[in-house]
Amino acid sequence: MKKIIVVALICGAFIPEVGTAQPLRGFGVKVALTSSTHSIRSYYDPILPPTKRRLGFNIGVFAEWFNLPFVSLVTQVEYDQRGYQQGYYGGYVGPNGPVLSYVNNRIDYLSVPVLAKFKYPSVDPQPYVLIGVRADFKESYHRSIVYDYPTAPPYSQFKSTMLGATVGTGVTLQRVIPIPLLLELRYNFDFADSFFSGNLSMRNNAYDLWMGVEL
């Protein structure tokens, strides 16, 4: 939580300077629907329980810098929900034996992406492409039920800071509402495992569908 307060203060410091600070093109807020999972590898026991992607929500603030014709720089601060759904047998026994159930595992990050934005100027809607790096700071983790399973996610042992990359595409709509409306699709992946032991490794990845407004 301290990280969130510090970042919010930093963002608040430059927002009032929009009218005078030439490098700052604009700023705004975004919300997202995210679909996340973990890439899981077991080295000694290759038979793993089935998994599914989980849906979550993100929220963020952003600033866009350097109003050049074809390229700009986007810095964003996000609170992201990651994780996945893990299948296990044992929650309920039916007439044909144990029934497969799913546990909703969620891990929350404070994420700070820095993205190059390549755009096509002077058109409406305006398409663009995003590519850049990202730093994620682990904040908390949650599990829908408490269960004892050999491959239960060891979230308390996940790395507290991760580095990764983000690629995506989007469009800016100027005429839908009185202020610019942004729609983005992003893919996020990490450079290294969030967790690694002698026989198990886990790595985050997620798709985000963002909608935002530029103020």
C-alpha atoms as a PDB file:
ATOM      1  CA  MET A   1       0.000   0.000   0.000  1.00  0.00           C
ATOM      2  CA  LYS A   2       2.894   2.379   0.663  1.00  0.00           C
ATOM      3  CA  LYS A   3       4.003   1.904  -2.958  1.00  0.00           C
ATOM      4  CA  ILE A   4       0.561   3.010  -4.175  1.00  0.00           C
ATOM      5  CA  ILE A   5       0.645   6.190  -2.059  1.00  0.00           C
ATOM      6  CA  VAL A   6       4.137   7.107  -3.257  1.00  0.00           C
ATOM      7  CA  VAL A   7       3.252   6.576  -6.910  1.00  0.00           C
ATOM      8  CA  ALA A   8       0.016   8.548  -6.537  1.00  0.00           C
ATOM      9  CA  LEU A   9       1.943  11.478  -5.077  1.00  0.00           C
ATOM     10  CA  ILE A  10       4.397  11.371  -7.977  1.00  0.00           C
ATOM     11  CA  CYS A  11       1.579  11.358 -10.514  1.00  0.00           C
ATOM     12  CA  GLY A  12      -0.196  14.196  -8.729  1.00  0.00           C
ATOM     13  CA  ALA A  13       2.941  16.275  -8.847  1.00  0.00           C
ATOM     14  CA  PHE A  14       3.068  16.508 -12.648  1.00  0.00           C
ATOM     15  CA  ILE A  15      -0.674  16.659 -13.452  1.00  0.00           C
ATOM     16  CA  PRO A  16      -1.124  20.349 -12.544  1.00  0.00           C
ATOM     17  CA  GLU A  17       1.738  21.238 -14.906  1.00  0.00           C
ATOM     18  CA  VAL A  18      -0.041  20.122 -18.069  1.00  0.00           C
ATOM     19  CA  GLY A  19      -0.483  23.679 -19.268  1.00  0.00           C
ATOM     20  CA  THR A  20       3.177  24.635 -18.874  1.00  0.00           C
ATOM     21  CA  ALA A  21       5.315  21.491 -19.150  1.00  0.00           C
ATOM     22  CA  GLN A  22       5.938  21.015 -22.867  1.00  0.00           C
ATOM     23  CA  PRO A  23       7.123  17.371 -22.730  1.00  0.00           C
ATOM     24  CA  LEU A  24       3.823  16.265 -21.176  1.00  0.00           C
ATOM     25  CA  ARG A  25       1.258  15.785 -23.943  1.00  0.00           C
ATOM     26  CA  GLY A  26      -1.627  14.624 -21.738  1.00  0.00           C
ATOM     27  CA  PHE A  27      -2.808  12.293 -18.996  1.00  0.00           C
ATOM     28  CA  GLY A  28      -5.837  10.224 -18.083  1.00  0.00           C
ATOM     29  CA  VAL A  29      -7.350   7.181 -16.397  1.00  0.00           C
ATOM     30  CA  LYS A  30      -8.016   3.635 -17.607  1.00  0.00           C
ATOM     31  CA  VAL A  31      -9.824   0.486 -16.491  1.00  0.00           C
ATOM     32  CA  ALA A  32      -9.346  -3.017 -17.885  1.00  0.00           C
ATOM     33  CA  LEU A  33     -10.742  -6.518 -17.993  1.00  0.00           C
ATOM     34  CA  THR A  34      -7.840  -8.964 -17.695  1.00  0.00           C
ATOM     35  CA  SER A  35      -7.470 -12.669 -18.489  1.00  0.00           C
ATOM     36  CA  SER A  36      -4.476 -14.139 -16.683  1.00  0.00           C
ATOM     37  CA  THR A  37      -2.794 -17.457 -16.017  1.00  0.00           C
ATOM     38  CA  HIS A  38       0.497 -19.002 -14.921  1.00  0.00           C
ATOM     39  CA  SER A  39       2.783 -21.066 -17.118  1.00  0.00           C
ATOM     40  CA  ILE A  40       3.453 -24.002 -14.775  1.00  0.00           C
ATOM     41  CA  ARG A  41       6.165 -26.616 -15.200  1.00  0.00           C
ATOM     42  CA  SER A  42       6.759 -29.614 -12.976  1.00  0.00           C
ATOM     43  CA  TYR A  43      10.150 -31.229 -13.596  1.00  0.00           C
ATOM     44  CA  TYR A  44       9.741 -34.420 -11.563  1.00  0.00           C
ATOM     45  CA  ASP A  45       5.986 -34.960 -11.949  1.00  0.00           C
ATOM     46  CA  PRO A  46       4.843 -33.866 -15.433  1.00  0.00           C
ATOM     47  CA  ILE A  47       1.186 -34.709 -14.683  1.00  0.00           C
ATOM     48  CA  LEU A  48      -0.329 -31.460 -13.466  1.00  0.00           C
ATOM     49  CA  PRO A  49      -3.959 -30.688 -12.587  1.00  0.00           C
ATOM     50  CA  PRO A  50      -5.949 -28.832 -15.274  1.00  0.00           C
ATOM     51  CA  THR A  51      -5.958 -25.048 -15.187  1.00  0.00           C
ATOM     52  CA  LYS A  52      -8.089 -22.246 -16.606  1.00  0.00           C
ATOM     53  CA  ARG A  53      -7.514 -18.541 -17.117  1.00  0.00           C
ATOM     54  CA  ARG A  54      -9.143 -16.248 -14.567  1.00  0.00           C
ATOM     55  CA  LEU A  55     -10.877 -12.950 -15.232  1.00  0.00           C
ATOM     56  CA  GLY A  56     -10.017  -9.882 -13.182  1.00  0.00           C
ATOM     57  CA  PHE A  57      -9.970  -6.109 -13.246  1.00  0.00           C
ATOM     58  CA  ASN A  58      -7.228  -3.495 -13.507  1.00  0.00           C
ATOM     59  CA  ILE A  59      -7.232   0.246 -12.956  1.00  0.00           C
ATOM     60  CA  GLY A  60      -4.542   2.778 -13.776  1.00  0.00           C
ATOM     61  CA  VAL A  61      -3.483   6.337 -14.461  1.00  0.00           C
ATOM     62  CA  PHE A  62      -1.224   7.311 -17.349  1.00  0.00           C
ATOM     63  CA  ALA A  63       0.777  10.167 -18.802  1.00  0.00           C
ATOM     64  CA  GLU A  64       1.775  10.596 -22.439  1.00  0.00           C
ATOM     65  CA  TRP A  65       5.003  12.431 -23.229  1.00  0.00           C
ATOM     66  CA  PHE A  66       6.579  14.089 -26.277  1.00  0.00           C
ATOM     67  CA  ASN A  67       3.959  15.126 -28.802  1.00  0.00           C
ATOM     68  CA  LEU A  68       5.829  14.021 -31.930  1.00  0.00           C
ATOM     69  CA  PRO A  69       3.941  13.203 -35.148  1.00  0.00           C
ATOM     70  CA  PHE A  70       4.460   9.430 -35.161  1.00  0.00           C
ATOM     71  CA  VAL A  71       5.738   8.430 -31.721  1.00  0.00           C
ATOM     72  CA  SER A  72       5.287   9.285 -28.059  1.00  0.00           C
ATOM     73  CA  LEU A  73       6.074   7.736 -24.669  1.00  0.00           C
ATOM     74  CA  VAL A  74       3.410   6.418 -22.291  1.00  0.00           C
ATOM     75  CA  THR A  75       4.083   5.884 -18.582  1.00  0.00           C
ATOM     76  CA  GLN A  76       1.356   4.180 -16.600  1.00  0.00           C
ATOM     77  CA  VAL A  77       0.731   3.107 -13.016  1.00  0.00           C
ATOM     78  CA  GLU A  78      -1.687   0.178 -12.639  1.00  0.00           C
ATOM     79  CA  TYR A  79      -3.178  -1.991  -9.942  1.00  0.00           C
ATOM     80  CA  ASP A  80      -3.454  -5.392 -11.671  1.00  0.00           C
ATOM     81  CA  GLN A  81      -5.184  -8.620 -10.715  1.00  0.00           C
ATOM     82  CA  ARG A  82      -3.322 -11.712 -11.925  1.00  0.00           C
ATOM     83  CA  GLY A  83      -3.495 -15.425 -11.129  1.00  0.00           C
ATOM     84  CA  TYR A  84      -5.330 -18.448 -12.535  1.00  0.00           C
ATOM     85  CA  GLN A  85      -7.902 -21.129 -11.755  1.00  0.00           C
ATOM     86  CA  GLN A  86      -6.523 -24.496 -10.679  1.00  0.00           C
ATOM     87  CA  GLY A  87      -8.448 -27.738 -10.911  1.00  0.00           C
ATOM     88  CA  TYR A  88      -8.370 -30.342  -8.162  1.00  0.00           C
ATOM     89  CA  TYR A  89     -10.259 -33.451  -7.146  1.00  0.00           C
ATOM     90  CA  GLY A  90     -11.613 -33.758  -3.634  1.00  0.00           C
ATOM     91  CA  GLY A  91     -14.108 -30.967  -3.213  1.00  0.00           C
ATOM     92  CA  TYR A  92     -17.115 -33.181  -4.032  1.00  0.00           C
ATOM     93  CA  VAL A  93     -17.638 -36.890  -4.705  1.00  0.00           C
ATOM     94  CA  GLY A  94     -20.365 -37.771  -7.184  1.00  0.00           C
ATOM     95  CA  PRO A  95     -21.824 -41.095  -8.294  1.00  0.00           C
ATOM     96  CA  ASN A  96     -18.919 -41.570 -10.714  1.00  0.00           C
ATOM     97  CA  GLY A  97     -16.197 -40.598  -8.259  1.00  0.00           C
ATOM     98  CA  PRO A  98     -14.447 -37.337  -7.344  1.00  0.00           C
ATOM     99  CA  VAL A  99     -15.671 -34.271  -9.203  1.00  0.00           C
ATOM    100  CA  LEU A 100     -13.236 -31.764 -10.680  1.00  0.00           C
ATOM    101  CA  SER A 101     -13.464 -28.408  -8.897  1.00  0.00           C
ATOM    102  CA  TYR A 102     -11.620 -25.162  -9.555  1.00  0.00           C
ATOM    103  CA  VAL A 103      -9.932 -22.863  -7.069  1.00  0.00           C
ATOM    104  CA  ASN A 104      -9.683 -19.180  -7.944  1.00  0.00           C
ATOM    105  CA  ASN A 105      -6.133 -18.027  -7.136  1.00  0.00           C
ATOM    106  CA  ARG A 106      -5.491 -14.276  -7.378  1.00  0.00           C
ATOM    107  CA  ILE A 107      -2.299 -12.298  -6.947  1.00  0.00           C
ATOM    108  CA  ASP A 108      -2.316  -8.492  -7.074  1.00  0.00           C
ATOM    109  CA  TYR A 109       0.496  -6.333  -8.437  1.00  0.00           C
ATOM    110  CA  LEU A 110       1.312  -2.660  -8.611  1.00  0.00           C
ATOM    111  CA  SER A 111       2.596  -2.425 -12.183  1.00  0.00           C
ATOM    112  CA  VAL A 112       4.554   0.389 -13.849  1.00  0.00           C
ATOM    113  CA  PRO A 113       4.867  -0.007 -17.646  1.00  0.00           C
ATOM    114  CA  VAL A 114       6.895   2.362 -19.838  1.00  0.00           C
ATOM    115  CA  LEU A 115       5.683   2.029 -23.430  1.00  0.00           C
ATOM    116  CA  ALA A 116       6.683   3.470 -26.780  1.00  0.00           C
ATOM    117  CA  LYS A 117       3.541   4.469 -28.682  1.00  0.00           C
ATOM    118  CA  PHE A 118       3.703   4.406 -32.488  1.00  0.00           C
ATOM    119  CA  LYS A 119       0.694   6.140 -34.025  1.00  0.00           C
ATOM    120  CA  TYR A 120      -0.727   7.263 -37.340  1.00  0.00           C
ATOM    121  CA  PRO A 121      -1.394  11.007 -37.067  1.00  0.00           C
ATOM    122  CA  SER A 122      -4.232  13.182 -38.373  1.00  0.00           C
ATOM    123  CA  VAL A 123      -6.882  10.466 -38.635  1.00  0.00           C
ATOM    124  CA  ASP A 124      -9.947   9.657 -36.547  1.00  0.00           C
ATOM    125  CA  PRO A 125     -10.071   6.993 -35.241  1.00  0.00           C
ATOM    126  CA  GLN A 126      -6.289   6.997 -34.722  1.00  0.00           C
ATOM    127  CA  PRO A 127      -4.644   3.530 -34.544  1.00  0.00           C
ATOM    128  CA  TYR A 128      -1.457   2.914 -32.589  1.00  0.00           C
ATOM    129  CA  VAL A 129       0.919   0.182 -31.427  1.00  0.00           C
ATOM    130  CA  LEU A 130       2.460  -0.138 -27.943  1.00  0.00           C
ATOM    131  CA  ILE A 131       5.673  -1.891 -26.947  1.00  0.00           C
ATOM    132  CA  GLY A 132       7.802  -1.544 -23.843  1.00  0.00           C
ATOM    133  CA  VAL A 133       8.968  -2.868 -20.486  1.00  0.00           C
ATOM    134  CA  ARG A 134       7.237  -3.194 -17.153  1.00  0.00           C
ATOM    135  CA  ALA A 135       8.071  -3.521 -13.454  1.00  0.00           C
ATOM    136  CA  ASP A 136       5.592  -5.379 -11.212  1.00  0.00           C
ATOM    137  CA  PHE A 137       5.538  -5.165  -7.408  1.00  0.00           C
ATOM    138  CA  LYS A 138       3.656  -7.907  -5.552  1.00  0.00           C
ATOM    139  CA  GLU A 139       1.025  -6.527  -3.163  1.00  0.00           C
ATOM    140  CA  SER A 140      -1.210  -9.388  -1.974  1.00  0.00           C
ATOM    141  CA  TYR A 141      -2.577 -12.808  -2.837  1.00  0.00           C
ATOM    142  CA  HIS A 142      -5.967 -14.459  -2.329  1.00  0.00           C
ATOM    143  CA  ARG A 143      -7.409 -17.951  -2.667  1.00  0.00           C
ATOM    144  CA  SER A 144     -11.150 -18.640  -3.012  1.00  0.00           C
ATOM    145  CA  ILE A 145     -10.950 -21.633  -0.627  1.00  0.00           C
ATOM    146  CA  VAL A 146      -8.272 -23.078   1.621  1.00  0.00           C
ATOM    147  CA  TYR A 147      -7.158 -26.497   0.462  1.00  0.00           C
ATOM    148  CA  ASP A 148      -4.217 -28.844   0.890  1.00  0.00           C
ATOM    149  CA  TYR A 149      -2.873 -29.851  -2.502  1.00  0.00           C
ATOM    150  CA  PRO A 150       0.699 -30.678  -3.587  1.00  0.00           C
ATOM    151  CA  THR A 151       0.720 -28.017  -6.298  1.00  0.00           C
ATOM    152  CA  ALA A 152      -1.158 -25.289  -4.440  1.00  0.00           C
ATOM    153  CA  PRO A 153       0.362 -21.957  -5.569  1.00  0.00           C
ATOM    154  CA  PRO A 154       3.125 -20.913  -3.117  1.00  0.00           C
ATOM    155  CA  TYR A 155       2.220 -17.242  -3.483  1.00  0.00           C
ATOM    156  CA  SER A 156       3.908 -16.244  -0.237  1.00  0.00           C
ATOM    157  CA  GLN A 157       7.190 -17.355  -1.873  1.00  0.00           C
ATOM    158  CA  PHE A 158       6.662 -15.480  -5.140  1.00  0.00           C
ATOM    159  CA  LYS A 159       9.266 -12.848  -5.988  1.00  0.00           C
ATOM    160  CA  SER A 160       8.269  -9.430  -4.707  1.00  0.00           C
ATOM    161  CA  THR A 161       9.483  -7.617  -7.858  1.00  0.00           C
ATOM    162  CA  MET A 162       9.257  -8.839 -11.445  1.00  0.00           C
ATOM    163  CA  LEU A 163      10.356  -7.407 -14.785  1.00  0.00           C
ATOM    164  CA  GLY A 164       8.511  -8.084 -18.011  1.00  0.00           C
ATOM    165  CA  ALA A 165       7.364  -6.740 -21.348  1.00  0.00           C
ATOM    166  CA  THR A 166       4.101  -5.472 -22.781  1.00  0.00           C
ATOM    167  CA  VAL A 167       2.990  -5.372 -26.406  1.00  0.00           C
ATOM    168  CA  GLY A 168      -0.346  -4.189 -27.685  1.00  0.00           C
ATOM    169  CA  THR A 169      -2.458  -2.235 -30.089  1.00  0.00           C
ATOM    170  CA  GLY A 170      -5.121   0.389 -29.651  1.00  0.00           C
ATOM    171  CA  VAL A 171      -7.204   3.139 -31.138  1.00  0.00           C
ATOM    172  CA  THR A 172      -8.060   6.706 -30.067  1.00  0.00           C
ATOM    173  CA  LEU A 173     -11.609   7.879 -30.773  1.00  0.00           C
ATOM    174  CA  GLN A 174     -12.085  11.654 -30.860  1.00  0.00           C
ATOM    175  CA  ARG A 175     -15.796  12.010 -31.637  1.00  0.00           C
ATOM    176  CA  VAL A 176     -17.575   9.427 -29.477  1.00  0.00           C
ATOM    177  CA  ILE A 177     -17.510  11.587 -26.334  1.00  0.00           C
ATOM    178  CA  PRO A 178     -16.303  15.186 -25.756  1.00  0.00           C
ATOM    179  CA  ILE A 179     -12.849  13.947 -24.665  1.00  0.00           C
ATOM    180  CA  PRO A 180     -10.580  11.366 -26.374  1.00  0.00           C
ATOM    181  CA  LEU A 181     -11.577   7.740 -25.718  1.00  0.00           C
ATOM    182  CA  LEU A 182      -8.902   5.014 -25.828  1.00  0.00           C
ATOM    183  CA  LEU A 183      -9.380   1.288 -26.450  1.00  0.00           C
ATOM    184  CA  GLU A 184      -6.387  -1.058 -26.079  1.00  0.00           C
ATOM    185  CA  LEU A 185      -5.581  -4.755 -26.215  1.00  0.00           C
ATOM    186  CA  ARG A 186      -2.303  -5.743 -24.504  1.00  0.00           C
ATOM    187  CA  TYR A 187      -0.326  -8.897 -23.863  1.00  0.00           C
ATOM    188  CA  ASN A 188       1.933  -8.990 -20.793  1.00  0.00           C
ATOM    189  CA  PHE A 189       4.656 -11.554 -20.085  1.00  0.00           C
ATOM    190  CA  ASP A 190       7.484 -11.818 -17.567  1.00  0.00           C
ATOM    191  CA  PHE A 191      11.176 -12.249 -18.299  1.00  0.00           C
ATOM    192  CA  ALA A 192      11.689 -14.783 -15.491  1.00  0.00           C
ATOM    193  CA  ASP A 193       9.769 -17.183 -13.254  1.00  0.00           C
ATOM    194  CA  SER A 194       7.792 -15.716 -10.377  1.00  0.00           C
ATOM    195  CA  PHE A 195       8.477 -18.881  -8.431  1.00  0.00           C
ATOM    196  CA  PHE A 196      11.073 -21.626  -8.847  1.00  0.00           C
ATOM    197  CA  SER A 197      11.876 -24.612  -6.658  1.00  0.00           C
ATOM    198  CA  GLY A 198      13.579 -27.913  -7.294  1.00  0.00           C
ATOM    199  CA  ASN A 199      10.611 -29.359  -9.178  1.00  0.00           C
ATOM    200  CA  LEU A 200       8.142 -26.545  -9.899  1.00  0.00           C
ATOM    201  CA  SER A 201       8.249 -23.198 -11.692  1.00  0.00           C
ATOM    202  CA  MET A 202       5.495 -20.631 -12.338  1.00  0.00           C
ATOM    203  CA  ARG A 203       5.447 -17.554 -14.595  1.00  0.00           C
ATOM    204  CA  ASN A 204       2.749 -14.890 -15.134  1.00  0.00           C
ATOM    205  CA  ASN A 205       1.156 -13.847 -18.398  1.00  0.00           C
ATOM    206  CA  ALA A 206      -2.037 -11.924 -19.120  1.00  0.00           C
ATOM    207  CA  TYR A 207      -4.198 -10.318 -21.784  1.00  0.00           C
ATOM    208  CA  ASP A 208      -5.692  -6.913 -20.893  1.00  0.00           C
ATOM    209  CA  LEU A 209      -8.566  -5.114 -22.591  1.00  0.00           C
ATOM    210  CA  TRP A 210      -8.248  -1.454 -21.563  1.00  0.00           C
ATOM    211  CA  MET A 211     -10.655   1.466 -21.923  1.00  0.00           C
ATOM    212  CA  GLY A 212      -9.630   4.966 -20.885  1.00  0.00           C
ATOM    213  CA  VAL A 213     -10.146   8.661 -21.311  1.00  0.00           C
ATOM    214  CA  GLU A 214      -7.553  11.360 -21.904  1.00  0.00           C
ATOM    215  CA  LEU A 215      -8.151  14.437 -19.730  1.00  0.00           C
END
